Amino acid sequence: MTTPPDDFDPPAGQAITLESGLRRILAPNPSPMTYRGTNTYLLGNRGLAVIDPGPTDDSHLGAILAAVAPGQEITHIIVTHSHLDHSPLARRLSLATGAPVLGFGKSGTGRSAIMTELSRSGLAAGQEGLDLDFVPDRTVVDGEMIHGDGWDLHVLHTPGHLGNHIALGWRDACFTADHVMGWASSLVSPPDGDLTDFMASCARLSEQPWRVFHPGHGAPVRNPQQRLSWLIAHRRARESAILDALRTGPATAFDLARRIYTETPASMLPAAERNVLAHLVDLMGKSMVQASSPLSTGSRFSRTDRATG
């Protein structure tokens, strides 16, 4: 799931200027799922938007508040999606500043019909962790413009990594959160992650000539179109690998993950299994595979006559 490492290793807790009117503070939550940690962005020169406050952490809350200079105030707190490394600190930051929390909706909002059915059948979320307490003060909708003091953000609903995931267009830059990152491909983990939606969101982001992506983890992506093309090609290659592996007979998502993700550490295989399951659900939607039992992580999948090549 990863690509070659970059030299992104800023100190946590320091507000670093990326360009005029934009700073980034790295949260102290490094892990195999979050890389160096979550990127929190401060947008504006007087009235500030905080994008993705991050996990519950006293030092990170202090770092955000310390970055507010005299003559500045936090007027908006915007959460791109409700994973535990992005949203939990929003409520505490709101209580400290009086700024409202904006987001697409609580966890579960934006799920596709098939993922809703998977959730109802008992498929639990994966190890990435949902913030089940997240409730925005104000919900935003796709296409909405959030207006601030000297800045505007265009809301783009980009489900795939999570149903309530949004990207935020700022002039010719875009805050892509966990949909597009430079250090790794985005995790797509059913029932909250949906590969069909993910690919559609990639196609949508490809429609605009972005100058730079500011992701939820890792360094700025300076070649947005190239990165999107890589993500799409990467997913298509995974699809081909899954279909090739199924030539020898039916298999579960876990069996396929072990055969395909040969260089993945054992601790990351559950995430790889979820990625494979996401592909299998997408392939079912294309009538290229079928499940031998009601759809679940334990289902055995096989190719259909439409899986040619």
Protein backbone atom coordinates (compact mmCIF):
# COMPACT_ATOMS: atom_id res chain seq x y z
CA MET A 1 0.00 0.00 0.00
CA THR A 2 3.00 2.28 0.31
CA THR A 3 5.19 4.05 -2.19
CA PRO A 4 8.89 4.92 -1.71
CA PRO A 5 9.35 7.14 1.36
CA ASP A 6 9.97 10.86 0.99
CA ASP A 7 11.97 13.16 3.25
CA PHE A 8 8.87 14.46 5.04
CA ASP A 9 9.73 14.54 8.73
CA PRO A 10 8.79 17.91 10.28
CA PRO A 11 8.75 18.40 14.05
CA ALA A 12 5.36 17.82 15.63
CA GLY A 13 3.62 20.80 17.19
CA GLN A 14 5.27 23.55 15.14
CA ALA A 15 3.25 25.78 12.79
CA ILE A 16 5.11 25.71 9.47
CA THR A 17 4.21 28.18 6.72
CA LEU A 18 3.54 26.40 3.42
CA GLU A 19 2.53 29.48 1.44
CA SER A 20 0.97 32.85 2.11
CA GLY A 21 -2.04 32.37 4.36
CA LEU A 22 -1.49 28.66 4.98
CA ARG A 23 0.29 26.86 7.83
CA ARG A 24 0.53 23.22 8.83
CA ILE A 25 0.93 21.67 12.29
CA LEU A 26 1.85 17.99 12.52
CA ALA A 27 0.05 16.06 15.25
CA PRO A 28 2.17 13.72 17.43
CA ASN A 29 0.44 10.51 16.31
CA PRO A 30 2.83 8.64 13.99
CA SER A 31 1.90 5.05 13.12
CA PRO A 32 1.86 2.64 10.18
CA MET A 33 -1.61 4.01 9.36
CA THR A 34 -0.85 7.72 9.81
CA TYR A 35 2.81 7.98 8.66
CA ARG A 36 4.46 10.88 10.54
CA GLY A 37 1.11 11.96 11.97
CA THR A 38 -2.01 13.90 11.00
CA ASN A 39 -1.61 17.23 9.22
CA THR A 40 -3.67 20.03 10.75
CA TYR A 41 -3.96 23.11 8.54
CA LEU A 42 -4.52 26.74 9.54
CA LEU A 43 -5.91 28.80 6.67
CA GLY A 44 -6.16 32.59 6.71
CA ASN A 45 -4.43 35.67 8.09
CA ARG A 46 -7.04 37.03 10.54
CA GLY A 47 -10.11 34.85 10.73
CA LEU A 48 -8.68 31.31 10.59
CA ALA A 49 -10.06 28.00 9.45
CA VAL A 50 -8.62 24.93 11.16
CA ILE A 51 -8.85 21.94 8.84
CA ASP A 52 -8.70 18.53 10.58
CA PRO A 53 -7.86 19.31 14.23
CA GLY A 54 -6.69 15.73 14.62
CA PRO A 55 -6.77 13.22 17.49
CA THR A 56 -7.47 13.97 21.12
CA ASP A 57 -4.12 15.18 22.41
CA ASP A 58 -3.45 17.97 24.91
CA SER A 59 -0.16 19.00 23.33
CA HIS A 60 -1.69 19.25 19.86
CA LEU A 61 -4.58 21.33 21.16
CA GLY A 62 -2.03 23.62 22.80
CA ALA A 63 -0.01 23.85 19.59
CA ILE A 64 -3.06 24.91 17.58
CA LEU A 65 -4.06 27.55 20.11
CA ALA A 66 -0.48 28.81 20.38
CA ALA A 67 -0.37 29.32 16.61
CA VAL A 68 -3.16 31.92 16.82
CA ALA A 69 -1.30 35.24 16.82
CA PRO A 70 -2.55 38.56 18.24
CA GLY A 71 -5.23 39.91 15.94
CA GLN A 72 -6.18 36.43 14.77
CA GLU A 73 -9.04 34.15 15.78
CA ILE A 74 -10.30 30.73 14.80
CA THR A 75 -13.67 31.18 13.10
CA HIS A 76 -14.18 27.78 11.44
CA ILE A 77 -13.24 24.21 12.35
CA ILE A 78 -13.62 21.94 9.33
CA VAL A 79 -13.38 18.15 9.53
CA THR A 80 -12.76 16.27 6.29
CA HIS A 81 -13.90 12.91 7.68
CA SER A 82 -14.55 11.21 10.99
CA HIS A 83 -11.64 8.87 11.53
CA LEU A 84 -10.07 8.98 14.98
CA ASP A 85 -6.89 10.63 13.71
CA HIS A 86 -8.77 13.57 12.15
CA SER A 87 -11.90 14.58 14.05
CA PRO A 88 -11.93 13.99 17.84
CA LEU A 89 -10.09 17.18 18.82
CA ALA A 90 -12.68 19.31 16.96
CA ARG A 91 -15.10 19.51 19.89
CA ARG A 92 -12.47 20.54 22.42
CA LEU A 93 -11.10 23.14 20.01
CA SER A 94 -14.62 24.46 19.50
CA LEU A 95 -15.17 24.76 23.24
CA ALA A 96 -11.88 26.63 23.59
CA THR A 97 -12.52 29.08 20.74
CA GLY A 98 -16.27 29.27 20.18
CA ALA A 99 -15.82 28.35 16.52
CA PRO A 100 -18.38 25.96 14.99
CA VAL A 101 -17.44 22.52 13.68
CA LEU A 102 -18.30 21.88 10.04
CA GLY A 103 -18.40 18.52 8.31
CA PHE A 104 -20.36 16.40 5.84
CA GLY A 105 -22.10 14.48 8.60
CA LYS A 106 -21.63 11.97 11.40
CA SER A 107 -19.93 8.61 10.90
CA GLY A 108 -21.96 6.49 8.48
CA THR A 109 -23.14 9.46 6.43
CA GLY A 110 -22.53 8.98 2.73
CA ARG A 111 -22.25 5.19 2.78
CA SER A 112 -23.28 3.52 -0.45
CA ALA A 113 -26.24 1.13 -0.47
CA ILE A 114 -24.11 -2.02 -0.62
CA MET A 115 -21.86 -0.83 2.21
CA THR A 116 -24.90 0.06 4.29
CA GLU A 117 -26.15 -3.50 3.77
CA LEU A 118 -22.72 -4.92 4.72
CA SER A 119 -22.78 -2.90 7.92
CA ARG A 120 -26.29 -4.10 8.75
CA SER A 121 -25.19 -7.70 8.17
CA GLY A 122 -22.61 -7.31 10.93
CA LEU A 123 -19.36 -6.36 9.14
CA ALA A 124 -17.53 -4.17 11.63
CA ALA A 125 -15.24 -1.29 10.75
CA GLY A 126 -11.54 -2.02 10.31
CA GLN A 127 -8.56 -0.99 12.41
CA GLU A 128 -8.50 2.60 11.11
CA GLY A 129 -11.05 3.60 13.78
CA LEU A 130 -14.25 5.61 13.46
CA ASP A 131 -15.08 8.59 15.63
CA LEU A 132 -18.59 7.55 16.56
CA ASP A 133 -19.05 10.68 18.69
CA PHE A 134 -18.46 13.10 15.83
CA VAL A 135 -21.42 15.36 15.08
CA PRO A 136 -20.79 18.64 13.24
CA ASP A 137 -22.45 21.85 14.38
CA ARG A 138 -23.18 22.55 10.74
CA THR A 139 -23.31 20.06 7.90
CA VAL A 140 -21.91 21.05 4.53
CA VAL A 141 -23.03 19.73 1.16
CA ASP A 142 -21.27 18.91 -2.05
CA GLY A 143 -20.58 22.03 -4.10
CA GLU A 144 -21.02 24.43 -1.18
CA MET A 145 -18.68 27.38 -0.74
CA ILE A 146 -17.47 28.03 2.80
CA HIS A 147 -16.67 31.73 3.08
CA GLY A 148 -14.13 33.06 5.55
CA ASP A 149 -12.07 36.17 6.20
CA GLY A 150 -10.07 36.47 2.98
CA TRP A 151 -10.49 32.83 1.97
CA ASP A 152 -13.10 30.58 0.39
CA LEU A 153 -13.25 26.79 0.35
CA HIS A 154 -15.15 24.72 -2.22
CA VAL A 155 -16.62 21.54 -0.70
CA LEU A 156 -16.15 18.42 -2.82
CA HIS A 157 -17.78 15.26 -1.52
CA THR A 158 -15.15 12.58 -2.19
CA PRO A 159 -16.39 9.29 -0.71
CA GLY A 160 -14.27 6.20 -1.03
CA HIS A 161 -11.91 6.22 1.93
CA LEU A 162 -14.95 7.06 4.06
CA GLY A 163 -18.53 7.91 3.16
CA ASN A 164 -18.44 11.36 4.80
CA HIS A 165 -15.06 12.30 3.32
CA ILE A 166 -14.73 15.72 1.71
CA ALA A 167 -11.95 17.52 -0.11
CA LEU A 168 -11.68 21.30 0.01
CA GLY A 169 -10.69 23.37 -2.98
CA TRP A 170 -8.79 26.58 -2.20
CA ARG A 171 -8.05 28.50 -5.38
CA ASP A 172 -5.84 26.09 -7.38
CA ALA A 173 -4.91 24.04 -4.31
CA CYS A 174 -6.93 21.23 -2.76
CA PHE A 175 -6.96 19.77 0.75
CA THR A 176 -7.41 16.10 -0.16
CA ALA A 177 -7.24 14.62 3.38
CA ASP A 178 -6.91 10.83 3.08
CA HIS A 179 -8.19 10.47 -0.47
CA VAL A 180 -4.91 11.44 -2.14
CA MET A 181 -1.59 11.29 -0.27
CA GLY A 182 1.99 11.21 -1.48
CA TRP A 183 3.37 8.57 0.90
CA ALA A 184 0.81 5.80 0.35
CA SER A 185 -2.32 4.82 -1.49
CA SER A 186 -5.49 5.50 0.47
CA LEU A 187 -6.93 2.69 2.55
CA VAL A 188 -10.35 1.59 1.33
CA SER A 189 -11.88 -0.58 4.05
CA PRO A 190 -15.51 -1.81 3.86
CA PRO A 191 -18.10 -1.13 5.12
CA ASP A 192 -17.00 2.49 5.42
CA GLY A 193 -14.62 2.48 2.48
CA ASP A 194 -16.05 1.89 -0.99
CA LEU A 195 -13.76 1.34 -3.99
CA THR A 196 -16.44 2.16 -6.56
CA ASP A 197 -16.91 5.53 -4.87
CA PHE A 198 -13.14 5.95 -4.49
CA MET A 199 -12.51 5.59 -8.22
CA ALA A 200 -15.35 7.99 -9.03
CA SER A 201 -13.88 10.55 -6.60
CA CYS A 202 -10.45 10.18 -8.25
CA ALA A 203 -12.05 10.85 -11.62
CA ARG A 204 -13.80 13.90 -10.24
CA LEU A 205 -10.62 15.37 -8.78
CA SER A 206 -8.90 14.76 -12.13
CA GLU A 207 -11.29 17.17 -13.83
CA GLN A 208 -9.57 20.28 -12.42
CA PRO A 209 -6.01 21.54 -13.09
CA TRP A 210 -4.85 21.61 -9.47
CA ARG A 211 -1.44 23.09 -8.66
CA VAL A 212 -0.93 21.18 -5.40
CA PHE A 213 -2.67 18.78 -3.04
CA HIS A 214 -2.33 19.25 0.72
CA PRO A 215 -3.02 15.77 2.15
CA GLY A 216 -4.03 14.56 5.58
CA HIS A 217 -0.68 12.79 5.99
CA GLY A 218 2.69 13.42 4.39
CA ALA A 219 4.17 16.15 2.24
CA PRO A 220 2.35 18.35 -0.28
CA VAL A 221 1.69 16.57 -3.56
CA ARG A 222 3.23 18.83 -6.22
CA ASN A 223 2.15 16.69 -9.19
CA PRO A 224 -1.59 16.22 -8.58
CA GLN A 225 -2.58 14.84 -11.98
CA GLN A 226 0.33 12.42 -12.04
CA ARG A 227 -0.52 11.21 -8.55
CA LEU A 228 -4.17 10.69 -9.43
CA SER A 229 -3.17 8.75 -12.55
CA TRP A 230 -0.91 6.57 -10.38
CA LEU A 231 -3.70 5.90 -7.89
CA ILE A 232 -6.11 4.88 -10.64
CA ALA A 233 -3.49 2.67 -12.32
CA HIS A 234 -2.54 1.15 -8.96
CA ARG A 235 -6.13 0.16 -8.26
CA ARG A 236 -6.57 -1.28 -11.74
CA ALA A 237 -3.40 -3.33 -11.27
CA ARG A 238 -4.76 -4.68 -7.96
CA GLU A 239 -7.99 -5.60 -9.71
CA SER A 240 -6.05 -7.53 -12.36
CA ALA A 241 -3.98 -9.28 -9.70
CA ILE A 242 -7.13 -10.38 -7.86
CA LEU A 243 -8.75 -11.70 -11.01
CA ASP A 244 -5.54 -13.55 -11.95
CA ALA A 245 -5.34 -15.10 -8.47
CA LEU A 246 -8.92 -16.32 -8.79
CA ARG A 247 -8.06 -18.32 -11.91
CA THR A 248 -6.94 -21.17 -9.68
CA GLY A 249 -10.28 -21.33 -7.93
CA PRO A 250 -12.45 -19.64 -5.29
CA ALA A 251 -10.73 -17.84 -2.44
CA THR A 252 -11.49 -15.56 0.49
CA ALA A 253 -10.33 -11.96 0.74
CA PHE A 254 -7.73 -12.99 3.31
CA ASP A 255 -6.38 -15.77 1.10
CA LEU A 256 -6.05 -13.33 -1.76
CA ALA A 257 -4.38 -10.69 0.41
CA ARG A 258 -1.70 -13.17 1.53
CA ARG A 259 -1.02 -14.17 -2.08
CA ILE A 260 -0.98 -10.64 -3.50
CA TYR A 261 0.55 -8.52 -0.71
CA THR A 262 3.68 -10.65 -0.45
CA GLU A 263 5.89 -7.86 0.95
CA THR A 264 3.35 -6.53 3.47
CA PRO A 265 4.18 -7.04 7.18
CA ALA A 266 1.88 -9.47 8.99
CA SER A 267 0.56 -6.65 11.18
CA MET A 268 -0.76 -4.87 8.09
CA LEU A 269 -2.42 -7.89 6.48
CA PRO A 270 -5.84 -7.13 8.04
CA ALA A 271 -5.78 -3.74 6.26
CA ALA A 272 -4.68 -5.46 3.05
CA GLU A 273 -7.57 -7.92 3.44
CA ARG A 274 -10.02 -4.99 3.69
CA ASN A 275 -8.53 -3.47 0.54
CA VAL A 276 -8.98 -6.77 -1.30
CA LEU A 277 -12.56 -7.04 -0.04
CA ALA A 278 -13.22 -3.53 -1.36
CA HIS A 279 -12.00 -4.65 -4.79
CA LEU A 280 -14.12 -7.79 -4.64
CA VAL A 281 -17.26 -5.79 -3.82
CA ASP A 282 -16.46 -3.47 -6.73
CA LEU A 283 -15.93 -6.47 -9.02
CA MET A 284 -19.26 -7.91 -7.87
CA GLY A 285 -20.86 -4.64 -8.94
CA LYS A 286 -19.30 -5.17 -12.36
CA SER A 287 -20.56 -8.81 -12.39
CA MET A 288 -16.95 -10.02 -12.74
CA VAL A 289 -16.88 -12.05 -9.50
CA GLN A 290 -19.50 -13.72 -7.35
CA ALA A 291 -19.64 -14.74 -3.70
CA SER A 292 -20.45 -18.31 -2.67
CA SER A 293 -22.34 -17.13 0.41
CA PRO A 294 -23.95 -13.95 1.74
CA LEU A 295 -21.33 -11.25 1.35
CA SER A 296 -18.92 -11.05 4.30
CA THR A 297 -15.19 -11.11 5.04
CA GLY A 298 -15.38 -14.91 5.09
CA SER A 299 -17.07 -15.26 1.71
CA ARG A 300 -15.32 -17.30 -0.99
CA PHE A 301 -15.20 -15.47 -4.30
CA SER A 302 -14.93 -16.81 -7.82
CA ARG A 303 -14.68 -15.36 -11.30
CA THR A 304 -17.69 -15.11 -13.59
CA ASP A 305 -17.89 -15.38 -17.36
CA ARG A 306 -17.57 -11.57 -17.57
CA ALA A 307 -14.06 -11.69 -16.07
CA THR A 308 -12.34 -12.08 -19.42
CA GLY A 309 -8.64 -11.62 -20.17
